[in-house]
Each structure stands twice: as structure tokens, then as C-alpha cells.
Amino acid sequence: MLCGRLRRADRLRLELGAYPVRVRLARVLVELAESYGQPRRTLRGLDWNRVRIDVNLSQSEFAALTASTTHTVHKALAQLRNDEIITTGCSQTSIENMARLREAALLSVPAA
């Protein structure tokens, strides 16, 4: 357990300097969705591409998680909303397209 925490801390330190805030925020959202997300129910069953994150975080808390300012997180969230990747409201965040969020987080490269 301790080794896992140290690896995660090392990874986060590397990411803080290597990626812009939008990418760091997308990575935080992917991690939250995978850990605490609830898939949307549809007529066909559960849709894991559309996930509600059951952790209510404010913009200042997202700023702390991404080592950035609240203003910068506000702009990054607005970009993700404008791209129809997420929706937000009242400290609630929902992923509308998990595949596109992973692309924004640079976690998967689209096939050519």
C-alpha cells in the first residue's frame, strides 16, 4: 500500500510540470470517474461512457488537486463543457463522453 502511494505521488509530481492544467484536470476527472463514478442507466443497460462522479468537489478543490489556480480550473472546466465532454453544476460533475475525456487527458490516442 505504501509503495502504491509513493508511486502515485511520484507520478503526480511529474505530471504537474509536464502537462497543462486542462490535461491535469482531465486526468483527475478520469481517476475520479474510475474510482467513484456511477454509470448512467439506459434502456440497454449501464452506459460506462457517461458517468456521474459521486464526489462533490468545488473548483477550488479541483485547483488544489491540479496544483493550479481556481481561475485556471474555471477556464479548463469551461473548455471541457464547451467540448461537451463534461457537465457541471452545484459541485456535481458528470462525464458525458469518457472516451473523449481520456483523449483530453492524453491517456489514449485515437486510432488513425
PDB file of N, CA and C in Angstrom:
ATOM      1  N   MET A   1       0.827  -1.179   0.000  1.00  0.00           N
ATOM      2  CA  MET A   1       0.000   0.000   0.000  1.00  0.00           C
ATOM      3  C   MET A   1       0.881   1.256   0.000  1.00  0.00           C
ATOM      4  N   LEU A   2       1.913   1.245   0.802  1.00  0.00           N
ATOM      5  CA  LEU A   2       2.822   2.395   0.871  1.00  0.00           C
ATOM      6  C   LEU A   2       3.538   2.602  -0.452  1.00  0.00           C
ATOM      7  N   CYS A   3       3.974   1.526  -1.074  1.00  0.00           N
ATOM      8  CA  CYS A   3       4.646   1.633  -2.378  1.00  0.00           C
ATOM      9  C   CYS A   3       3.707   2.231  -3.425  1.00  0.00           C
ATOM     10  N   GLY A   4       2.448   1.829  -3.388  1.00  0.00           N
ATOM     11  CA  GLY A   4       1.462   2.376  -4.325  1.00  0.00           C
ATOM     12  C   GLY A   4       1.286   3.871  -4.136  1.00  0.00           C
ATOM     13  N   ARG A   5       1.240   4.308  -2.901  1.00  0.00           N
ATOM     14  CA  ARG A   5       1.100   5.742  -2.617  1.00  0.00           C
ATOM     15  C   ARG A   5       2.329   6.514  -3.073  1.00  0.00           C
ATOM     16  N   LEU A   6       3.509   5.955  -2.866  1.00  0.00           N
ATOM     17  CA  LEU A   6       4.735   6.626  -3.301  1.00  0.00           C
ATOM     18  C   LEU A   6       4.792   6.730  -4.822  1.00  0.00           C
ATOM     19  N   ARG A   7       4.396   5.649  -5.512  1.00  0.00           N
ATOM     20  CA  ARG A   7       4.365   5.685  -6.979  1.00  0.00           C
ATOM     21  C   ARG A   7       3.387   6.748  -7.476  1.00  0.00           C
ATOM     22  N   ARG A   8       2.217   6.816  -6.846  1.00  0.00           N
ATOM     23  CA  ARG A   8       1.218   7.820  -7.243  1.00  0.00           C
ATOM     24  C   ARG A   8       1.751   9.228  -6.989  1.00  0.00           C
ATOM     25  N   ALA A   9       2.380   9.463  -5.863  1.00  0.00           N
ATOM     26  CA  ALA A   9       2.936  10.782  -5.544  1.00  0.00           C
ATOM     27  C   ALA A   9       4.017  11.166  -6.549  1.00  0.00           C
ATOM     28  N   ASP A  10       4.878  10.219  -6.900  1.00  0.00           N
ATOM     29  CA  ASP A  10       5.923  10.489  -7.906  1.00  0.00           C
ATOM     30  C   ASP A  10       5.304  10.819  -9.265  1.00  0.00           C
ATOM     31  N   ARG A  11       4.281  10.046  -9.653  1.00  0.00           N
ATOM     32  CA  ARG A  11       3.609  10.289 -10.928  1.00  0.00           C
ATOM     33  C   ARG A  11       2.973  11.675 -10.952  1.00  0.00           C
ATOM     34  N   LEU A  12       2.330  12.061  -9.851  1.00  0.00           N
ATOM     35  CA  LEU A  12       1.691  13.376  -9.790  1.00  0.00           C
ATOM     36  C   LEU A  12       2.709  14.504  -9.883  1.00  0.00           C
ATOM     37  N   ARG A  13       3.837  14.364  -9.229  1.00  0.00           N
ATOM     38  CA  ARG A  13       4.884  15.393  -9.306  1.00  0.00           C
ATOM     39  C   ARG A  13       5.381  15.564 -10.736  1.00  0.00           C
ATOM     40  N   LEU A  14       5.552  14.458 -11.444  1.00  0.00           N
ATOM     41  CA  LEU A  14       5.991  14.529 -12.842  1.00  0.00           C
ATOM     42  C   LEU A  14       4.937  15.203 -13.718  1.00  0.00           C
ATOM     43  N   GLU A  15       3.664  14.870 -13.490  1.00  0.00           N
ATOM     44  CA  GLU A  15       2.589  15.426 -14.302  1.00  0.00           C
ATOM     45  C   GLU A  15       2.436  16.930 -14.104  1.00  0.00           C
ATOM     46  N   LEU A  16       2.678  17.412 -12.896  1.00  0.00           N
ATOM     47  CA  LEU A  16       2.461  18.830 -12.613  1.00  0.00           C
ATOM     48  C   LEU A  16       3.326  19.718 -13.487  1.00  0.00           C
ATOM     49  N   GLY A  17       4.531  19.292 -13.788  1.00  0.00           N
ATOM     50  CA  GLY A  17       5.400  20.097 -14.613  1.00  0.00           C
ATOM     51  C   GLY A  17       5.294  19.785 -16.094  1.00  0.00           C
ATOM     52  N   ALA A  18       4.788  18.622 -16.430  1.00  0.00           N
ATOM     53  CA  ALA A  18       4.824  18.172 -17.814  1.00  0.00           C
ATOM     54  C   ALA A  18       3.566  18.512 -18.615  1.00  0.00           C
ATOM     55  N   TYR A  19       2.431  18.709 -17.954  1.00  0.00           N
ATOM     56  CA  TYR A  19       1.178  18.884 -18.674  1.00  0.00           C
ATOM     57  C   TYR A  19       0.491  20.190 -18.314  1.00  0.00           C
ATOM     58  N   PRO A  20      -0.269  20.758 -19.267  1.00  0.00           N
ATOM     59  CA  PRO A  20      -1.064  21.952 -18.952  1.00  0.00           C
ATOM     60  C   PRO A  20      -2.233  21.598 -18.021  1.00  0.00           C
ATOM     61  N   VAL A  21      -2.848  22.614 -17.466  1.00  0.00           N
ATOM     62  CA  VAL A  21      -3.908  22.406 -16.478  1.00  0.00           C
ATOM     63  C   VAL A  21      -5.067  21.602 -17.048  1.00  0.00           C
ATOM     64  N   ARG A  22      -5.446  21.850 -18.293  1.00  0.00           N
ATOM     65  CA  ARG A  22      -6.578  21.121 -18.875  1.00  0.00           C
ATOM     66  C   ARG A  22      -6.313  19.614 -18.881  1.00  0.00           C
ATOM     67  N   VAL A  23      -5.105  19.211 -19.201  1.00  0.00           N
ATOM     68  CA  VAL A  23      -4.748  17.788 -19.218  1.00  0.00           C
ATOM     69  C   VAL A  23      -4.736  17.242 -17.791  1.00  0.00           C
ATOM     70  N   ARG A  24      -4.142  17.995 -16.856  1.00  0.00           N
ATOM     71  CA  ARG A  24      -4.109  17.540 -15.457  1.00  0.00           C
ATOM     72  C   ARG A  24      -5.520  17.406 -14.899  1.00  0.00           C
ATOM     73  N   LEU A  25      -6.391  18.364 -15.217  1.00  0.00           N
ATOM     74  CA  LEU A  25      -7.776  18.293 -14.760  1.00  0.00           C
ATOM     75  C   LEU A  25      -8.483  17.089 -15.364  1.00  0.00           C
ATOM     76  N   ALA A  26      -8.285  16.852 -16.647  1.00  0.00           N
ATOM     77  CA  ALA A  26      -8.897  15.691 -17.299  1.00  0.00           C
ATOM     78  C   ALA A  26      -8.416  14.395 -16.649  1.00  0.00           C
ATOM     79  N   ARG A  27      -7.150  14.338 -16.295  1.00  0.00           N
ATOM     80  CA  ARG A  27      -6.621  13.138 -15.626  1.00  0.00           C
ATOM     81  C   ARG A  27      -7.256  12.934 -14.248  1.00  0.00           C
ATOM     82  N   VAL A  28      -7.442  14.029 -13.514  1.00  0.00           N
ATOM     83  CA  VAL A  28      -8.104  13.937 -12.211  1.00  0.00           C
ATOM     84  C   VAL A  28      -9.536  13.443 -12.398  1.00  0.00           C
ATOM     85  N   LEU A  29     -10.235  13.973 -13.397  1.00  0.00           N
ATOM     86  CA  LEU A  29     -11.611  13.553 -13.649  1.00  0.00           C
ATOM     87  C   LEU A  29     -11.696  12.082 -14.044  1.00  0.00           C
ATOM     88  N   VAL A  30     -10.750  11.613 -14.861  1.00  0.00           N
ATOM     89  CA  VAL A  30     -10.730  10.192 -15.227  1.00  0.00           C
ATOM     90  C   VAL A  30     -10.535   9.336 -13.982  1.00  0.00           C
ATOM     91  N   GLU A  31      -9.594   9.723 -13.144  1.00  0.00           N
ATOM     92  CA  GLU A  31      -9.329   8.954 -11.919  1.00  0.00           C
ATOM     93  C   GLU A  31     -10.547   8.942 -10.997  1.00  0.00           C
ATOM     94  N   LEU A  32     -11.206  10.083 -10.837  1.00  0.00           N
ATOM     95  CA  LEU A  32     -12.406  10.150 -10.000  1.00  0.00           C
ATOM     96  C   LEU A  32     -13.534   9.312 -10.588  1.00  0.00           C
ATOM     97  N   ALA A  33     -13.696   9.387 -11.912  1.00  0.00           N
ATOM     98  CA  ALA A  33     -14.753   8.608 -12.562  1.00  0.00           C
ATOM     99  C   ALA A  33     -14.516   7.113 -12.397  1.00  0.00           C
ATOM    100  N   GLU A  34     -13.259   6.698 -12.523  1.00  0.00           N
ATOM    101  CA  GLU A  34     -12.951   5.274 -12.384  1.00  0.00           C
ATOM    102  C   GLU A  34     -13.098   4.800 -10.942  1.00  0.00           C
ATOM    103  N   SER A  35     -12.815   5.667  -9.985  1.00  0.00           N
ATOM    104  CA  SER A  35     -12.875   5.275  -8.579  1.00  0.00           C
ATOM    105  C   SER A  35     -14.261   5.446  -7.963  1.00  0.00           C
ATOM    106  N   TYR A  36     -14.958   6.534  -8.322  1.00  0.00           N
ATOM    107  CA  TYR A  36     -16.206   6.881  -7.647  1.00  0.00           C
ATOM    108  C   TYR A  36     -17.389   7.069  -8.586  1.00  0.00           C
ATOM    109  N   GLY A  37     -17.195   6.808  -9.872  1.00  0.00           N
ATOM    110  CA  GLY A  37     -18.244   7.079 -10.843  1.00  0.00           C
ATOM    111  C   GLY A  37     -19.348   6.046 -10.859  1.00  0.00           C
ATOM    112  N   GLN A  38     -20.536   6.526 -11.214  1.00  0.00           N
ATOM    113  CA  GLN A  38     -21.706   5.672 -11.386  1.00  0.00           C
ATOM    114  C   GLN A  38     -22.165   5.804 -12.834  1.00  0.00           C
ATOM    115  N   PRO A  39     -22.244   4.701 -13.568  1.00  0.00           N
ATOM    116  CA  PRO A  39     -22.660   4.783 -14.972  1.00  0.00           C
ATOM    117  C   PRO A  39     -24.130   5.174 -15.095  1.00  0.00           C
ATOM    118  N   ARG A  40     -24.449   5.807 -16.211  1.00  0.00           N
ATOM    119  CA  ARG A  40     -25.845   6.162 -16.479  1.00  0.00           C
ATOM    120  C   ARG A  40     -26.619   4.910 -16.846  1.00  0.00           C
ATOM    121  N   ARG A  41     -27.842   4.863 -16.387  1.00  0.00           N
ATOM    122  CA  ARG A  41     -28.725   3.760 -16.757  1.00  0.00           C
ATOM    123  C   ARG A  41     -29.463   4.152 -18.031  1.00  0.00           C
ATOM    124  N   THR A  42     -29.477   3.235 -18.975  1.00  0.00           N
ATOM    125  CA  THR A  42     -30.198   3.441 -20.228  1.00  0.00           C
ATOM    126  C   THR A  42     -31.103   2.242 -20.460  1.00  0.00           C
ATOM    127  N   LEU A  43     -31.874   2.294 -21.516  1.00  0.00           N
ATOM    128  CA  LEU A  43     -32.742   1.159 -21.851  1.00  0.00           C
ATOM    129  C   LEU A  43     -31.931  -0.086 -22.183  1.00  0.00           C
ATOM    130  N   ARG A  44     -30.692   0.109 -22.637  1.00  0.00           N
ATOM    131  CA  ARG A  44     -29.828  -1.016 -22.989  1.00  0.00           C
ATOM    132  C   ARG A  44     -28.975  -1.500 -21.816  1.00  0.00           C
ATOM    133  N   GLY A  45     -29.088  -0.853 -20.685  1.00  0.00           N
ATOM    134  CA  GLY A  45     -28.280  -1.233 -19.521  1.00  0.00           C
ATOM    135  C   GLY A  45     -27.432  -0.069 -19.044  1.00  0.00           C
ATOM    136  N   LEU A  46     -26.287  -0.372 -18.459  1.00  0.00           N
ATOM    137  CA  LEU A  46     -25.408   0.665 -17.931  1.00  0.00           C
ATOM    138  C   LEU A  46     -24.504   1.212 -19.028  1.00  0.00           C
ATOM    139  N   ASP A  47     -24.379   2.528 -19.068  1.00  0.00           N
ATOM    140  CA  ASP A  47     -23.540   3.201 -20.070  1.00  0.00           C
ATOM    141  C   ASP A  47     -22.303   3.737 -19.368  1.00  0.00           C
ATOM    142  N   TRP A  48     -21.177   3.034 -19.508  1.00  0.00           N
ATOM    143  CA  TRP A  48     -19.935   3.434 -18.839  1.00  0.00           C
ATOM    144  C   TRP A  48     -19.225   4.568 -19.571  1.00  0.00           C
ATOM    145  N   ASN A  49     -19.752   5.008 -20.710  1.00  0.00           N
ATOM    146  CA  ASN A  49     -19.173   6.167 -21.394  1.00  0.00           C
ATOM    147  C   ASN A  49     -19.733   7.464 -20.803  1.00  0.00           C
ATOM    148  N   ARG A  50     -20.859   7.370 -20.108  1.00  0.00           N
ATOM    149  CA  ARG A  50     -21.482   8.519 -19.446  1.00  0.00           C
ATOM    150  C   ARG A  50     -21.569   8.195 -17.962  1.00  0.00           C
ATOM    151  N   VAL A  51     -20.777   8.930 -17.162  1.00  0.00           N
ATOM    152  CA  VAL A  51     -20.591   8.591 -15.755  1.00  0.00           C
ATOM    153  C   VAL A  51     -20.828   9.813 -14.873  1.00  0.00           C
ATOM    154  N   ARG A  52     -21.575   9.622 -13.794  1.00  0.00           N
ATOM    155  CA  ARG A  52     -21.747  10.664 -12.784  1.00  0.00           C
ATOM    156  C   ARG A  52     -20.725  10.417 -11.680  1.00  0.00           C
ATOM    157  N   ILE A  53     -19.939  11.441 -11.356  1.00  0.00           N
ATOM    158  CA  ILE A  53     -18.939  11.312 -10.306  1.00  0.00           C
ATOM    159  C   ILE A  53     -19.609  11.608  -8.973  1.00  0.00           C
ATOM    160  N   ASP A  54     -19.584  10.631  -8.087  1.00  0.00           N
ATOM    161  CA  ASP A  54     -20.252  10.767  -6.801  1.00  0.00           C
ATOM    162  C   ASP A  54     -19.376  11.390  -5.724  1.00  0.00           C
ATOM    163  N   VAL A  55     -18.475  12.256  -6.122  1.00  0.00           N
ATOM    164  CA  VAL A  55     -17.661  13.037  -5.189  1.00  0.00           C
ATOM    165  C   VAL A  55     -17.889  14.492  -5.563  1.00  0.00           C
ATOM    166  N   ASN A  56     -18.480  15.246  -4.666  1.00  0.00           N
ATOM    167  CA  ASN A  56     -18.792  16.644  -4.952  1.00  0.00           C
ATOM    168  C   ASN A  56     -17.595  17.519  -4.603  1.00  0.00           C
ATOM    169  N   LEU A  57     -16.922  18.033  -5.634  1.00  0.00           N
ATOM    170  CA  LEU A  57     -15.751  18.882  -5.438  1.00  0.00           C
ATOM    171  C   LEU A  57     -16.018  20.273  -5.993  1.00  0.00           C
ATOM    172  N   SER A  58     -15.515  21.274  -5.294  1.00  0.00           N
ATOM    173  CA  SER A  58     -15.624  22.651  -5.767  1.00  0.00           C
ATOM    174  C   SER A  58     -14.468  22.950  -6.717  1.00  0.00           C
ATOM    175  N   GLN A  59     -14.545  24.097  -7.383  1.00  0.00           N
ATOM    176  CA  GLN A  59     -13.468  24.484  -8.286  1.00  0.00           C
ATOM    177  C   GLN A  59     -12.170  24.713  -7.528  1.00  0.00           C
ATOM    178  N   SER A  60     -12.254  25.218  -6.300  1.00  0.00           N
ATOM    179  CA  SER A  60     -11.025  25.406  -5.513  1.00  0.00           C
ATOM    180  C   SER A  60     -10.408  24.070  -5.130  1.00  0.00           C
ATOM    181  N   GLU A  61     -11.235  23.047  -4.919  1.00  0.00           N
ATOM    182  CA  GLU A  61     -10.698  21.712  -4.628  1.00  0.00           C
ATOM    183  C   GLU A  61     -10.061  21.097  -5.877  1.00  0.00           C
ATOM    184  N   PHE A  62     -10.678  21.309  -7.041  1.00  0.00           N
ATOM    185  CA  PHE A  62     -10.046  20.864  -8.285  1.00  0.00           C
ATOM    186  C   PHE A  62      -8.723  21.589  -8.496  1.00  0.00           C
ATOM    187  N   ALA A  63      -8.679  22.872  -8.156  1.00  0.00           N
ATOM    188  CA  ALA A  63      -7.438  23.646  -8.295  1.00  0.00           C
ATOM    189  C   ALA A  63      -6.343  23.050  -7.415  1.00  0.00           C
ATOM    190  N   ALA A  64      -6.682  22.668  -6.201  1.00  0.00           N
ATOM    191  CA  ALA A  64      -5.695  22.063  -5.307  1.00  0.00           C
ATOM    192  C   ALA A  64      -5.206  20.725  -5.857  1.00  0.00           C
ATOM    193  N   LEU A  65      -6.106  19.941  -6.426  1.00  0.00           N
ATOM    194  CA  LEU A  65      -5.733  18.632  -6.971  1.00  0.00           C
ATOM    195  C   LEU A  65      -4.853  18.744  -8.214  1.00  0.00           C
ATOM    196  N   THR A  66      -4.959  19.862  -8.926  1.00  0.00           N
ATOM    197  CA  THR A  66      -4.188  20.040 -10.150  1.00  0.00           C
ATOM    198  C   THR A  66      -3.035  21.024  -9.979  1.00  0.00           C
ATOM    199  N   ALA A  67      -2.828  21.509  -8.769  1.00  0.00           N
ATOM    200  CA  ALA A  67      -1.770  22.479  -8.467  1.00  0.00           C
ATOM    201  C   ALA A  67      -1.874  23.709  -9.371  1.00  0.00           C
ATOM    202  N   SER A  68      -3.064  24.266  -9.430  1.00  0.00           N
ATOM    203  CA  SER A  68      -3.292  25.453 -10.247  1.00  0.00           C
ATOM    204  C   SER A  68      -4.212  26.409  -9.500  1.00  0.00           C
ATOM    205  N   THR A  69      -4.575  27.499 -10.148  1.00  0.00           N
ATOM    206  CA  THR A  69      -5.461  28.474  -9.522  1.00  0.00           C
ATOM    207  C   THR A  69      -6.920  28.153  -9.849  1.00  0.00           C
ATOM    208  N   THR A  70      -7.805  28.685  -9.039  1.00  0.00           N
ATOM    209  CA  THR A  70      -9.239  28.489  -9.266  1.00  0.00           C
ATOM    210  C   THR A  70      -9.647  29.064 -10.617  1.00  0.00           C
ATOM    211  N   HIS A  71      -9.092  30.217 -10.967  1.00  0.00           N
ATOM    212  CA  HIS A  71      -9.417  30.855 -12.246  1.00  0.00           C
ATOM    213  C   HIS A  71      -9.018  29.962 -13.429  1.00  0.00           C
ATOM    214  N   THR A  72      -7.852  29.357 -13.352  1.00  0.00           N
ATOM    215  CA  THR A  72      -7.382  28.484 -14.431  1.00  0.00           C
ATOM    216  C   THR A  72      -8.243  27.233 -14.528  1.00  0.00           C
ATOM    217  N   VAL A  73      -8.635  26.669 -13.387  1.00  0.00           N
ATOM    218  CA  VAL A  73      -9.516  25.497 -13.385  1.00  0.00           C
ATOM    219  C   VAL A  73     -10.879  25.873 -13.964  1.00  0.00           C
ATOM    220  N   HIS A  74     -11.361  27.065 -13.613  1.00  0.00           N
ATOM    221  CA  HIS A  74     -12.641  27.535 -14.149  1.00  0.00           C
ATOM    222  C   HIS A  74     -12.596  27.542 -15.681  1.00  0.00           C
ATOM    223  N   LYS A  75     -11.512  28.055 -16.253  1.00  0.00           N
ATOM    224  CA  LYS A  75     -11.365  28.092 -17.712  1.00  0.00           C
ATOM    225  C   LYS A  75     -11.262  26.680 -18.296  1.00  0.00           C
ATOM    226  N   ALA A  76     -10.517  25.793 -17.632  1.00  0.00           N
ATOM    227  CA  ALA A  76     -10.362  24.420 -18.133  1.00  0.00           C
ATOM    228  C   ALA A  76     -11.696  23.668 -18.080  1.00  0.00           C
ATOM    229  N   LEU A  77     -12.457  23.854 -17.012  1.00  0.00           N
ATOM    230  CA  LEU A  77     -13.779  23.227 -16.920  1.00  0.00           C
ATOM    231  C   LEU A  77     -14.698  23.762 -18.014  1.00  0.00           C
ATOM    232  N   ALA A  78     -14.622  25.065 -18.272  1.00  0.00           N
ATOM    233  CA  ALA A  78     -15.442  25.663 -19.326  1.00  0.00           C
ATOM    234  C   ALA A  78     -15.096  25.065 -20.688  1.00  0.00           C
ATOM    235  N   GLN A  79     -13.802  24.834 -20.951  1.00  0.00           N
ATOM    236  CA  GLN A  79     -13.395  24.220 -22.216  1.00  0.00           C
ATOM    237  C   GLN A  79     -13.963  22.808 -22.341  1.00  0.00           C
ATOM    238  N   LEU A  80     -13.869  22.038 -21.261  1.00  0.00           N
ATOM    239  CA  LEU A  80     -14.388  20.668 -21.285  1.00  0.00           C
ATOM    240  C   LEU A  80     -15.913  20.667 -21.452  1.00  0.00           C
ATOM    241  N   ARG A  81     -16.601  21.636 -20.831  1.00  0.00           N
ATOM    242  CA  ARG A  81     -18.055  21.754 -21.016  1.00  0.00           C
ATOM    243  C   ARG A  81     -18.385  22.154 -22.453  1.00  0.00           C
ATOM    244  N   ASN A  82     -17.662  23.138 -23.000  1.00  0.00           N
ATOM    245  CA  ASN A  82     -17.906  23.579 -24.379  1.00  0.00           C
ATOM    246  C   ASN A  82     -17.665  22.467 -25.392  1.00  0.00           C
ATOM    247  N   ASP A  83     -16.718  21.593 -25.089  1.00  0.00           N
ATOM    248  CA  ASP A  83     -16.437  20.442 -25.954  1.00  0.00           C
ATOM    249  C   ASP A  83     -17.414  19.293 -25.717  1.00  0.00           C
ATOM    250  N   GLU A  84     -18.392  19.510 -24.824  1.00  0.00           N
ATOM    251  CA  GLU A  84     -19.427  18.527 -24.474  1.00  0.00           C
ATOM    252  C   GLU A  84     -18.840  17.220 -23.946  1.00  0.00           C
ATOM    253  N   ILE A  85     -17.748  17.363 -23.187  1.00  0.00           N
ATOM    254  CA  ILE A  85     -17.112  16.198 -22.564  1.00  0.00           C
ATOM    255  C   ILE A  85     -17.664  15.999 -21.162  1.00  0.00           C
ATOM    256  N   ILE A  86     -17.959  17.104 -20.454  1.00  0.00           N
ATOM    257  CA  ILE A  86     -18.487  17.037 -19.090  1.00  0.00           C
ATOM    258  C   ILE A  86     -19.659  17.992 -18.943  1.00  0.00           C
ATOM    259  N   THR A  87     -20.424  17.803 -17.874  1.00  0.00           N
ATOM    260  CA  THR A  87     -21.393  18.780 -17.413  1.00  0.00           C
ATOM    261  C   THR A  87     -21.109  19.008 -15.935  1.00  0.00           C
ATOM    262  N   THR A  88     -21.387  20.227 -15.470  1.00  0.00           N
ATOM    263  CA  THR A  88     -21.161  20.552 -14.061  1.00  0.00           C
ATOM    264  C   THR A  88     -22.330  21.356 -13.537  1.00  0.00           C
ATOM    265  N   GLY A  89     -22.451  21.349 -12.214  1.00  0.00           N
ATOM    266  CA  GLY A  89     -23.470  22.150 -11.556  1.00  0.00           C
ATOM    267  C   GLY A  89     -23.577  21.783 -10.097  1.00  0.00           C
ATOM    268  N   CYS A  90     -23.634  22.781  -9.234  1.00  0.00           N
ATOM    269  CA  CYS A  90     -23.812  22.573  -7.790  1.00  0.00           C
ATOM    270  C   CYS A  90     -22.818  21.555  -7.230  1.00  0.00           C
ATOM    271  N   SER A  91     -21.547  21.756  -7.511  1.00  0.00           N
ATOM    272  CA  SER A  91     -20.468  20.867  -7.048  1.00  0.00           C
ATOM    273  C   SER A  91     -20.637  19.435  -7.534  1.00  0.00           C
ATOM    274  N   GLN A  92     -21.361  19.242  -8.620  1.00  0.00           N
ATOM    275  CA  GLN A  92     -21.568  17.909  -9.205  1.00  0.00           C
ATOM    276  C   GLN A  92     -20.958  17.891 -10.595  1.00  0.00           C
ATOM    277  N   THR A  93     -20.257  16.827 -10.921  1.00  0.00           N
ATOM    278  CA  THR A  93     -19.632  16.691 -12.230  1.00  0.00           C
ATOM    279  C   THR A  93     -20.061  15.375 -12.866  1.00  0.00           C
ATOM    280  N   SER A  94     -20.445  15.445 -14.127  1.00  0.00           N
ATOM    281  CA  SER A  94     -20.795  14.245 -14.883  1.00  0.00           C
ATOM    282  C   SER A  94     -19.960  14.198 -16.147  1.00  0.00           C
ATOM    283  N   ILE A  95     -19.503  13.012 -16.458  1.00  0.00           N
ATOM    284  CA  ILE A  95     -18.755  12.794 -17.689  1.00  0.00           C
ATOM    285  C   ILE A  95     -19.772  12.419 -18.759  1.00  0.00           C
ATOM    286  N   GLU A  96     -19.790  13.162 -19.848  1.00  0.00           N
ATOM    287  CA  GLU A  96     -20.716  12.891 -20.941  1.00  0.00           C
ATOM    288  C   GLU A  96     -20.089  11.995 -22.000  1.00  0.00           C
ATOM    289  N   ASN A  97     -18.753  11.985 -22.062  1.00  0.00           N
ATOM    290  CA  ASN A  97     -18.071  11.155 -23.048  1.00  0.00           C
ATOM    291  C   ASN A  97     -16.712  10.756 -22.478  1.00  0.00           C
ATOM    292  N   MET A  98     -16.665   9.580 -21.875  1.00  0.00           N
ATOM    293  CA  MET A  98     -15.457   9.105 -21.211  1.00  0.00           C
ATOM    294  C   MET A  98     -14.307   8.926 -22.204  1.00  0.00           C
ATOM    295  N   ALA A  99     -14.594   8.475 -23.408  1.00  0.00           N
ATOM    296  CA  ALA A  99     -13.533   8.272 -24.403  1.00  0.00           C
ATOM    297  C   ALA A  99     -12.866   9.602 -24.750  1.00  0.00           C
ATOM    298  N   ARG A 100     -13.660  10.636 -24.954  1.00  0.00           N
ATOM    299  CA  ARG A 100     -13.093  11.952 -25.272  1.00  0.00           C
ATOM    300  C   ARG A 100     -12.369  12.545 -24.074  1.00  0.00           C
ATOM    301  N   LEU A 101     -12.844  12.265 -22.850  1.00  0.00           N
ATOM    302  CA  LEU A 101     -12.141  12.739 -21.656  1.00  0.00           C
ATOM    303  C   LEU A 101     -10.771  12.077 -21.566  1.00  0.00           C
ATOM    304  N   ARG A 102     -10.702  10.785 -21.870  1.00  0.00           N
ATOM    305  CA  ARG A 102      -9.413  10.077 -21.876  1.00  0.00           C
ATOM    306  C   ARG A 102      -8.474  10.680 -22.925  1.00  0.00           C
ATOM    307  N   GLU A 103      -9.015  11.066 -24.066  1.00  0.00           N
ATOM    308  CA  GLU A 103      -8.190  11.724 -25.081  1.00  0.00           C
ATOM    309  C   GLU A 103      -7.679  13.062 -24.570  1.00  0.00           C
ATOM    310  N   ALA A 104      -8.552  13.839 -23.916  1.00  0.00           N
ATOM    311  CA  ALA A 104      -8.147  15.140 -23.352  1.00  0.00           C
ATOM    312  C   ALA A 104      -7.086  14.962 -22.281  1.00  0.00           C
ATOM    313  N   ALA A 105      -7.127  13.834 -21.579  1.00  0.00           N
ATOM    314  CA  ALA A 105      -6.159  13.526 -20.534  1.00  0.00           C
ATOM    315  C   ALA A 105      -4.878  12.922 -21.096  1.00  0.00           C
ATOM    316  N   LEU A 106      -4.846  12.743 -22.409  1.00  0.00           N
ATOM    317  CA  LEU A 106      -3.710  12.121 -23.093  1.00  0.00           C
ATOM    318  C   LEU A 106      -3.453  10.704 -22.581  1.00  0.00           C
ATOM    319  N   LEU A 107      -4.540  10.002 -22.275  1.00  0.00           N
ATOM    320  CA  LEU A 107      -4.441   8.625 -21.790  1.00  0.00           C
ATOM    321  C   LEU A 107      -4.700   7.608 -22.887  1.00  0.00           C
ATOM    322  N   SER A 108      -5.286   8.054 -23.978  1.00  0.00           N
ATOM    323  CA  SER A 108      -5.476   7.160 -25.113  1.00  0.00           C
ATOM    324  C   SER A 108      -5.342   7.968 -26.381  1.00  0.00           C
ATOM    325  N   VAL A 109      -4.777   7.357 -27.364  1.00  0.00           N
ATOM    326  CA  VAL A 109      -4.575   8.024 -28.636  1.00  0.00           C
ATOM    327  C   VAL A 109      -5.592   7.455 -29.609  1.00  0.00           C
ATOM    328  N   PRO A 110      -6.368   8.337 -30.271  1.00  0.00           N
ATOM    329  CA  PRO A 110      -7.360   7.807 -31.225  1.00  0.00           C
ATOM    330  C   PRO A 110      -6.688   7.048 -32.369  1.00  0.00           C
ATOM    331  N   ALA A 111      -7.345   6.005 -32.823  1.00  0.00           N
ATOM    332  CA  ALA A 111      -6.809   5.193 -33.928  1.00  0.00           C
ATOM    333  C   ALA A 111      -6.866   5.989 -35.222  1.00  0.00           C
ATOM    334  N   ALA A 112      -5.849   5.819 -36.045  1.00  0.00           N
ATOM    335  CA  ALA A 112      -5.791   6.565 -37.314  1.00  0.00           C
ATOM    336  C   ALA A 112      -6.551   5.854 -38.397  1.00  0.00           C
TER     337      ALA A 112
END
